[in-house]
Amino acid sequence: MIPVIKARRGVAWAGCMTDGFDTMAVAVDWLDAYRAAEVDALLDLYDDEASLECGCGGQKILVGKPALRQYWIRRFAEHPLIELEDIAPTSDGIALAYQTSEGLVRVVFSFSATGKIARTHCGPSAEITPFRPASR
C-alpha cells in the first residue's frame, strides 16, 4: 500500500514530466479530488472534450464535462474512494489502482498536450490492462 500523497501540478517528479507538465501530479490531484468528493476540482483536471470509459457496473463511455459531472456526483455517493493501492507512470500516461466499496479499481489516464486529462479508462482490476511501467 502507498501512503497518501500530496502534490500539485508543477511539482517535478522524476520520470513523470511530459511536454512541460507533471502527469503524476495531475493524477495525484485527481486522487485528492476524488477522495474529497470535490466535483469542480476534479472536473478542472479534465479537458473540455475528455472521455471516460468505465467498466464498473456495466460498460459506459462518457464524453464532455457535463456528462462527467453527472457521473462523478453519482460515483462520489455510491463508491467513495477508500485508499490508494498503486500508482505508476505508463508508456502513455499514468495508471493507478484504488479500493472502493465495490473492490479494487484500476484507472489509466491519457493526457492532452495542455496537461489536462484527455481520456480515462477504468474498471474492476481484472478487466483493465495491467500496468505498463514507462521505460526509463
N, C-alpha and C. Protein backbone atom coordinates (compact mmCIF):
# COMPACT_ATOMS: atom_id res chain seq x y z
N MET A 1 0.84 -1.17 0.00
CA MET A 1 0.00 0.00 0.00
C MET A 1 0.89 1.24 0.00
N ILE A 2 0.47 2.26 -0.73
CA ILE A 2 1.21 3.52 -0.82
C ILE A 2 0.53 4.53 0.08
N PRO A 3 1.28 5.30 0.86
CA PRO A 3 0.66 6.32 1.74
C PRO A 3 0.02 7.43 0.92
N VAL A 4 -0.80 8.22 1.59
CA VAL A 4 -1.44 9.38 0.95
C VAL A 4 -0.35 10.29 0.41
N ILE A 5 -0.51 10.72 -0.82
CA ILE A 5 0.46 11.59 -1.48
C ILE A 5 -0.19 12.93 -1.71
N LYS A 6 0.51 13.99 -1.43
CA LYS A 6 0.02 15.33 -1.71
C LYS A 6 0.92 15.96 -2.75
N ALA A 7 0.35 16.47 -3.80
CA ALA A 7 1.13 17.15 -4.85
C ALA A 7 0.20 18.08 -5.60
N ARG A 8 0.76 18.97 -6.32
CA ARG A 8 0.00 19.86 -7.19
C ARG A 8 0.75 19.97 -8.50
N ARG A 9 0.03 20.27 -9.56
CA ARG A 9 0.67 20.42 -10.86
C ARG A 9 1.83 21.38 -10.77
N GLY A 10 2.89 21.07 -11.50
CA GLY A 10 4.06 21.91 -11.49
C GLY A 10 5.16 21.38 -10.59
N VAL A 11 4.83 20.41 -9.74
CA VAL A 11 5.84 19.79 -8.89
C VAL A 11 6.51 18.71 -9.71
N ALA A 12 7.81 18.77 -9.84
CA ALA A 12 8.53 17.82 -10.69
C ALA A 12 8.77 16.51 -9.97
N TRP A 13 8.32 15.42 -10.55
CA TRP A 13 8.62 14.08 -10.07
C TRP A 13 9.43 13.43 -11.16
N ALA A 14 10.58 12.94 -10.86
CA ALA A 14 11.49 12.36 -11.87
C ALA A 14 10.77 11.29 -12.67
N GLY A 15 10.90 11.37 -13.98
CA GLY A 15 10.33 10.36 -14.87
C GLY A 15 8.88 10.57 -15.21
N CYS A 16 8.24 11.64 -14.74
CA CYS A 16 6.82 11.83 -14.95
C CYS A 16 6.49 13.09 -15.74
N MET A 17 7.50 13.80 -16.18
CA MET A 17 7.26 15.04 -16.91
C MET A 17 6.96 14.72 -18.38
N THR A 18 5.93 15.34 -18.92
CA THR A 18 5.55 15.16 -20.31
C THR A 18 5.20 16.52 -20.88
N ASP A 19 5.90 16.94 -21.92
CA ASP A 19 5.60 18.21 -22.59
C ASP A 19 5.45 19.37 -21.61
N GLY A 20 6.29 19.43 -20.58
CA GLY A 20 6.28 20.56 -19.67
C GLY A 20 5.29 20.46 -18.53
N PHE A 21 4.55 19.38 -18.39
CA PHE A 21 3.65 19.23 -17.25
C PHE A 21 3.91 17.90 -16.57
N ASP A 22 3.54 17.82 -15.32
CA ASP A 22 3.81 16.67 -14.48
C ASP A 22 2.59 15.75 -14.44
N THR A 23 2.62 14.68 -15.20
CA THR A 23 1.48 13.77 -15.27
C THR A 23 1.18 13.12 -13.93
N MET A 24 2.20 12.80 -13.15
CA MET A 24 1.98 12.18 -11.84
C MET A 24 1.25 13.15 -10.91
N ALA A 25 1.63 14.41 -10.93
CA ALA A 25 0.96 15.40 -10.08
C ALA A 25 -0.50 15.57 -10.47
N VAL A 26 -0.81 15.53 -11.77
CA VAL A 26 -2.21 15.63 -12.21
C VAL A 26 -2.99 14.43 -11.68
N ALA A 27 -2.41 13.23 -11.78
CA ALA A 27 -3.09 12.02 -11.27
C ALA A 27 -3.30 12.10 -9.76
N VAL A 28 -2.33 12.62 -9.04
CA VAL A 28 -2.46 12.77 -7.59
C VAL A 28 -3.51 13.82 -7.26
N ASP A 29 -3.57 14.91 -8.02
CA ASP A 29 -4.63 15.90 -7.82
C ASP A 29 -6.01 15.27 -8.05
N TRP A 30 -6.11 14.41 -9.07
CA TRP A 30 -7.34 13.69 -9.35
C TRP A 30 -7.72 12.82 -8.16
N LEU A 31 -6.76 12.10 -7.64
CA LEU A 31 -6.98 11.24 -6.48
C LEU A 31 -7.45 12.05 -5.28
N ASP A 32 -6.81 13.18 -5.02
CA ASP A 32 -7.21 14.04 -3.90
C ASP A 32 -8.63 14.56 -4.08
N ALA A 33 -8.98 14.98 -5.30
CA ALA A 33 -10.32 15.50 -5.56
C ALA A 33 -11.38 14.40 -5.42
N TYR A 34 -11.06 13.19 -5.89
CA TYR A 34 -11.98 12.06 -5.73
C TYR A 34 -12.16 11.75 -4.25
N ARG A 35 -11.08 11.65 -3.52
CA ARG A 35 -11.13 11.33 -2.09
C ARG A 35 -11.98 12.37 -1.34
N ALA A 36 -11.87 13.64 -1.70
CA ALA A 36 -12.61 14.71 -1.03
C ALA A 36 -14.00 14.94 -1.62
N ALA A 37 -14.34 14.21 -2.68
CA ALA A 37 -15.63 14.37 -3.38
C ALA A 37 -15.85 15.80 -3.83
N GLU A 38 -14.82 16.41 -4.41
CA GLU A 38 -14.87 17.78 -4.91
C GLU A 38 -15.02 17.76 -6.43
N VAL A 39 -16.26 17.79 -6.89
CA VAL A 39 -16.54 17.63 -8.32
C VAL A 39 -15.92 18.73 -9.16
N ASP A 40 -15.96 19.98 -8.72
CA ASP A 40 -15.39 21.07 -9.52
C ASP A 40 -13.87 20.94 -9.63
N ALA A 41 -13.22 20.58 -8.55
CA ALA A 41 -11.76 20.38 -8.58
C ALA A 41 -11.40 19.22 -9.51
N LEU A 42 -12.19 18.16 -9.48
CA LEU A 42 -11.94 17.01 -10.33
C LEU A 42 -12.14 17.38 -11.80
N LEU A 43 -13.24 18.04 -12.11
CA LEU A 43 -13.53 18.40 -13.50
C LEU A 43 -12.53 19.39 -14.07
N ASP A 44 -11.95 20.22 -13.22
CA ASP A 44 -10.93 21.17 -13.67
C ASP A 44 -9.71 20.45 -14.25
N LEU A 45 -9.50 19.22 -13.86
CA LEU A 45 -8.34 18.45 -14.34
C LEU A 45 -8.57 17.86 -15.73
N TYR A 46 -9.83 17.81 -16.16
CA TYR A 46 -10.19 17.21 -17.46
C TYR A 46 -10.24 18.25 -18.57
N ASP A 47 -9.86 17.83 -19.77
CA ASP A 47 -10.05 18.61 -20.98
C ASP A 47 -11.57 18.76 -21.21
N ASP A 48 -12.00 19.82 -21.87
CA ASP A 48 -13.43 20.05 -22.09
C ASP A 48 -14.11 18.90 -22.83
N GLU A 49 -13.40 18.25 -23.73
CA GLU A 49 -13.97 17.15 -24.51
C GLU A 49 -13.42 15.79 -24.08
N ALA A 50 -13.00 15.68 -22.85
CA ALA A 50 -12.43 14.44 -22.34
C ALA A 50 -13.45 13.31 -22.39
N SER A 51 -12.92 12.09 -22.50
CA SER A 51 -13.79 10.92 -22.48
C SER A 51 -13.42 10.04 -21.28
N LEU A 52 -14.42 9.33 -20.80
CA LEU A 52 -14.26 8.41 -19.70
C LEU A 52 -14.91 7.11 -20.11
N GLU A 53 -14.14 6.05 -20.15
CA GLU A 53 -14.67 4.72 -20.43
C GLU A 53 -14.64 3.95 -19.13
N CYS A 54 -15.81 3.55 -18.64
CA CYS A 54 -15.90 2.91 -17.33
C CYS A 54 -16.53 1.53 -17.47
N GLY A 55 -15.87 0.55 -16.89
CA GLY A 55 -16.38 -0.82 -16.89
C GLY A 55 -16.93 -1.23 -15.54
N CYS A 56 -17.08 -0.30 -14.63
CA CYS A 56 -17.62 -0.59 -13.30
C CYS A 56 -19.14 -0.65 -13.39
N GLY A 57 -19.73 -1.78 -13.08
CA GLY A 57 -21.19 -1.89 -13.10
C GLY A 57 -21.77 -1.82 -14.49
N GLY A 58 -21.06 -2.29 -15.49
CA GLY A 58 -21.52 -2.22 -16.88
C GLY A 58 -20.72 -1.20 -17.66
N GLN A 59 -20.49 -1.48 -18.92
CA GLN A 59 -19.66 -0.63 -19.75
C GLN A 59 -20.38 0.66 -20.13
N LYS A 60 -19.69 1.80 -19.96
CA LYS A 60 -20.25 3.08 -20.38
C LYS A 60 -19.13 3.98 -20.87
N ILE A 61 -19.44 4.81 -21.84
CA ILE A 61 -18.49 5.78 -22.37
C ILE A 61 -19.17 7.15 -22.29
N LEU A 62 -18.48 8.08 -21.65
CA LEU A 62 -18.99 9.43 -21.47
C LEU A 62 -18.03 10.41 -22.11
N VAL A 63 -18.55 11.48 -22.70
CA VAL A 63 -17.71 12.49 -23.35
C VAL A 63 -18.18 13.87 -22.93
N GLY A 64 -17.22 14.71 -22.53
CA GLY A 64 -17.51 16.09 -22.18
C GLY A 64 -17.79 16.28 -20.69
N LYS A 65 -17.51 17.49 -20.23
CA LYS A 65 -17.64 17.79 -18.80
C LYS A 65 -19.06 17.66 -18.24
N PRO A 66 -20.12 18.03 -18.98
CA PRO A 66 -21.46 17.84 -18.41
C PRO A 66 -21.76 16.37 -18.08
N ALA A 67 -21.38 15.47 -18.97
CA ALA A 67 -21.59 14.03 -18.72
C ALA A 67 -20.69 13.55 -17.58
N LEU A 68 -19.46 14.04 -17.54
CA LEU A 68 -18.55 13.65 -16.47
C LEU A 68 -19.05 14.14 -15.11
N ARG A 69 -19.62 15.33 -15.08
CA ARG A 69 -20.15 15.88 -13.82
C ARG A 69 -21.21 14.94 -13.25
N GLN A 70 -22.17 14.52 -14.06
CA GLN A 70 -23.22 13.62 -13.60
C GLN A 70 -22.63 12.30 -13.11
N TYR A 71 -21.69 11.77 -13.86
CA TYR A 71 -21.03 10.51 -13.48
C TYR A 71 -20.36 10.64 -12.12
N TRP A 72 -19.57 11.72 -11.94
CA TRP A 72 -18.79 11.85 -10.71
C TRP A 72 -19.67 12.13 -9.50
N ILE A 73 -20.72 12.87 -9.62
CA ILE A 73 -21.62 13.12 -8.49
C ILE A 73 -22.19 11.79 -8.00
N ARG A 74 -22.61 10.97 -8.93
CA ARG A 74 -23.15 9.65 -8.56
C ARG A 74 -22.05 8.75 -7.99
N ARG A 75 -20.88 8.78 -8.62
CA ARG A 75 -19.77 7.93 -8.17
C ARG A 75 -19.34 8.29 -6.74
N PHE A 76 -19.24 9.57 -6.44
CA PHE A 76 -18.88 10.00 -5.08
C PHE A 76 -19.84 9.42 -4.05
N ALA A 77 -21.13 9.46 -4.37
CA ALA A 77 -22.14 8.99 -3.43
C ALA A 77 -22.17 7.48 -3.29
N GLU A 78 -22.02 6.77 -4.40
CA GLU A 78 -22.18 5.32 -4.38
C GLU A 78 -20.88 4.55 -4.12
N HIS A 79 -19.75 5.08 -4.56
CA HIS A 79 -18.49 4.34 -4.47
C HIS A 79 -17.34 5.26 -4.09
N PRO A 80 -17.33 5.75 -2.86
CA PRO A 80 -16.23 6.64 -2.47
C PRO A 80 -14.89 5.90 -2.50
N LEU A 81 -13.85 6.65 -2.76
CA LEU A 81 -12.50 6.10 -2.76
C LEU A 81 -12.10 5.81 -1.32
N ILE A 82 -11.62 4.60 -1.08
CA ILE A 82 -11.23 4.20 0.27
C ILE A 82 -9.73 4.39 0.47
N GLU A 83 -8.92 3.82 -0.44
CA GLU A 83 -7.48 4.00 -0.31
C GLU A 83 -6.77 3.70 -1.62
N LEU A 84 -5.64 4.34 -1.80
CA LEU A 84 -4.78 4.13 -2.95
C LEU A 84 -4.02 2.83 -2.76
N GLU A 85 -3.95 2.04 -3.82
CA GLU A 85 -3.19 0.79 -3.79
C GLU A 85 -1.86 0.90 -4.55
N ASP A 86 -1.88 1.57 -5.72
CA ASP A 86 -0.69 1.65 -6.54
C ASP A 86 -0.83 2.81 -7.52
N ILE A 87 0.29 3.39 -7.87
CA ILE A 87 0.31 4.46 -8.87
C ILE A 87 1.64 4.37 -9.60
N ALA A 88 1.60 4.44 -10.93
CA ALA A 88 2.83 4.29 -11.71
C ALA A 88 2.68 4.96 -13.07
N PRO A 89 3.79 5.49 -13.58
CA PRO A 89 3.76 6.01 -14.96
C PRO A 89 3.67 4.84 -15.93
N THR A 90 3.02 5.08 -17.06
CA THR A 90 2.96 4.09 -18.14
C THR A 90 3.61 4.71 -19.36
N SER A 91 3.66 3.97 -20.44
CA SER A 91 4.28 4.48 -21.65
C SER A 91 3.52 5.67 -22.24
N ASP A 92 2.22 5.80 -21.91
CA ASP A 92 1.44 6.90 -22.48
C ASP A 92 0.63 7.69 -21.46
N GLY A 93 0.97 7.59 -20.18
CA GLY A 93 0.23 8.33 -19.16
C GLY A 93 0.54 7.85 -17.76
N ILE A 94 -0.51 7.68 -16.97
CA ILE A 94 -0.39 7.24 -15.59
C ILE A 94 -1.47 6.19 -15.34
N ALA A 95 -1.13 5.19 -14.55
CA ALA A 95 -2.11 4.19 -14.13
C ALA A 95 -2.14 4.16 -12.62
N LEU A 96 -3.32 4.01 -12.06
CA LEU A 96 -3.39 3.84 -10.62
C LEU A 96 -4.47 2.84 -10.28
N ALA A 97 -4.32 2.26 -9.10
CA ALA A 97 -5.30 1.31 -8.58
C ALA A 97 -5.72 1.79 -7.20
N TYR A 98 -7.01 1.67 -6.92
CA TYR A 98 -7.53 2.13 -5.64
C TYR A 98 -8.70 1.27 -5.22
N GLN A 99 -8.95 1.24 -3.92
CA GLN A 99 -10.06 0.49 -3.36
C GLN A 99 -11.28 1.39 -3.24
N THR A 100 -12.44 0.84 -3.61
CA THR A 100 -13.72 1.48 -3.36
C THR A 100 -14.60 0.44 -2.67
N SER A 101 -15.83 0.81 -2.40
CA SER A 101 -16.77 -0.12 -1.78
C SER A 101 -17.07 -1.32 -2.68
N GLU A 102 -16.78 -1.19 -3.98
CA GLU A 102 -17.03 -2.31 -4.89
C GLU A 102 -15.80 -3.14 -5.17
N GLY A 103 -14.67 -2.80 -4.57
CA GLY A 103 -13.44 -3.56 -4.74
C GLY A 103 -12.33 -2.74 -5.38
N LEU A 104 -11.32 -3.45 -5.87
CA LEU A 104 -10.16 -2.81 -6.48
C LEU A 104 -10.49 -2.32 -7.88
N VAL A 105 -10.20 -1.05 -8.14
CA VAL A 105 -10.45 -0.43 -9.44
C VAL A 105 -9.12 0.05 -10.00
N ARG A 106 -8.91 -0.14 -11.28
CA ARG A 106 -7.75 0.40 -11.97
C ARG A 106 -8.23 1.48 -12.93
N VAL A 107 -7.43 2.54 -13.04
CA VAL A 107 -7.73 3.61 -13.98
C VAL A 107 -6.44 3.98 -14.69
N VAL A 108 -6.54 4.19 -15.99
CA VAL A 108 -5.41 4.61 -16.81
C VAL A 108 -5.76 5.97 -17.38
N PHE A 109 -4.86 6.93 -17.20
CA PHE A 109 -5.05 8.30 -17.67
C PHE A 109 -4.20 8.56 -18.90
N SER A 110 -4.77 9.23 -19.89
CA SER A 110 -4.03 9.78 -21.02
C SER A 110 -4.25 11.29 -20.98
N PHE A 111 -3.26 12.05 -21.42
CA PHE A 111 -3.28 13.50 -21.26
C PHE A 111 -3.23 14.23 -22.59
N SER A 112 -3.82 15.43 -22.59
CA SER A 112 -3.74 16.32 -23.75
C SER A 112 -2.40 17.05 -23.71
N ALA A 113 -2.06 17.74 -24.76
CA ALA A 113 -0.81 18.49 -24.82
C ALA A 113 -0.79 19.64 -23.82
N THR A 114 -1.96 20.04 -23.33
CA THR A 114 -2.04 21.14 -22.37
C THR A 114 -1.97 20.68 -20.92
N GLY A 115 -1.83 19.37 -20.70
CA GLY A 115 -1.72 18.85 -19.35
C GLY A 115 -3.03 18.49 -18.70
N LYS A 116 -4.10 18.49 -19.47
CA LYS A 116 -5.41 18.09 -18.95
C LYS A 116 -5.63 16.60 -19.23
N ILE A 117 -6.49 15.98 -18.47
CA ILE A 117 -6.84 14.58 -18.71
C ILE A 117 -7.70 14.53 -19.96
N ALA A 118 -7.24 13.80 -20.96
CA ALA A 118 -7.97 13.67 -22.22
C ALA A 118 -8.86 12.42 -22.22
N ARG A 119 -8.39 11.37 -21.52
CA ARG A 119 -9.12 10.10 -21.52
C ARG A 119 -8.80 9.35 -20.25
N THR A 120 -9.82 8.74 -19.67
CA THR A 120 -9.62 7.78 -18.60
C THR A 120 -10.33 6.49 -18.98
N HIS A 121 -9.70 5.41 -18.62
CA HIS A 121 -10.28 4.08 -18.83
C HIS A 121 -10.20 3.38 -17.49
N CYS A 122 -11.35 3.05 -16.91
CA CYS A 122 -11.34 2.44 -15.59
C CYS A 122 -12.27 1.24 -15.54
N GLY A 123 -12.06 0.43 -14.52
CA GLY A 123 -12.91 -0.72 -14.31
C GLY A 123 -12.33 -1.61 -13.23
N PRO A 124 -13.04 -2.68 -12.93
CA PRO A 124 -12.52 -3.63 -11.95
C PRO A 124 -11.11 -4.06 -12.35
N SER A 125 -10.26 -4.26 -11.39
CA SER A 125 -8.85 -4.50 -11.62
C SER A 125 -8.57 -5.56 -12.68
N ALA A 126 -9.29 -6.65 -12.68
CA ALA A 126 -9.03 -7.74 -13.62
C ALA A 126 -9.38 -7.38 -15.07
N GLU A 127 -10.19 -6.34 -15.28
CA GLU A 127 -10.66 -6.00 -16.63
C GLU A 127 -9.84 -4.92 -17.32
N ILE A 128 -8.94 -4.26 -16.62
CA ILE A 128 -8.15 -3.18 -17.19
C ILE A 128 -6.75 -3.67 -17.47
N THR A 129 -6.21 -3.24 -18.60
CA THR A 129 -4.86 -3.64 -18.99
C THR A 129 -3.90 -3.44 -17.83
N PRO A 130 -3.08 -4.44 -17.55
CA PRO A 130 -2.12 -4.31 -16.44
C PRO A 130 -1.20 -3.11 -16.64
N PHE A 131 -0.62 -2.66 -15.54
CA PHE A 131 0.29 -1.54 -15.57
C PHE A 131 1.44 -1.84 -16.51
N ARG A 132 1.80 -0.87 -17.33
CA ARG A 132 2.98 -0.95 -18.20
C ARG A 132 3.90 0.17 -17.79
N PRO A 133 4.82 -0.11 -16.89
CA PRO A 133 5.71 0.98 -16.47
C PRO A 133 6.42 1.64 -17.65
N ALA A 134 6.60 2.93 -17.54
CA ALA A 134 7.31 3.67 -18.58
C ALA A 134 8.75 3.24 -18.61
N SER A 135 9.32 3.14 -19.79
CA SER A 135 10.73 2.79 -19.90
C SER A 135 11.55 4.01 -19.54
N ARG A 136 12.65 3.79 -18.90
CA ARG A 136 13.49 4.90 -18.46
C ARG A 136 14.68 5.05 -19.32
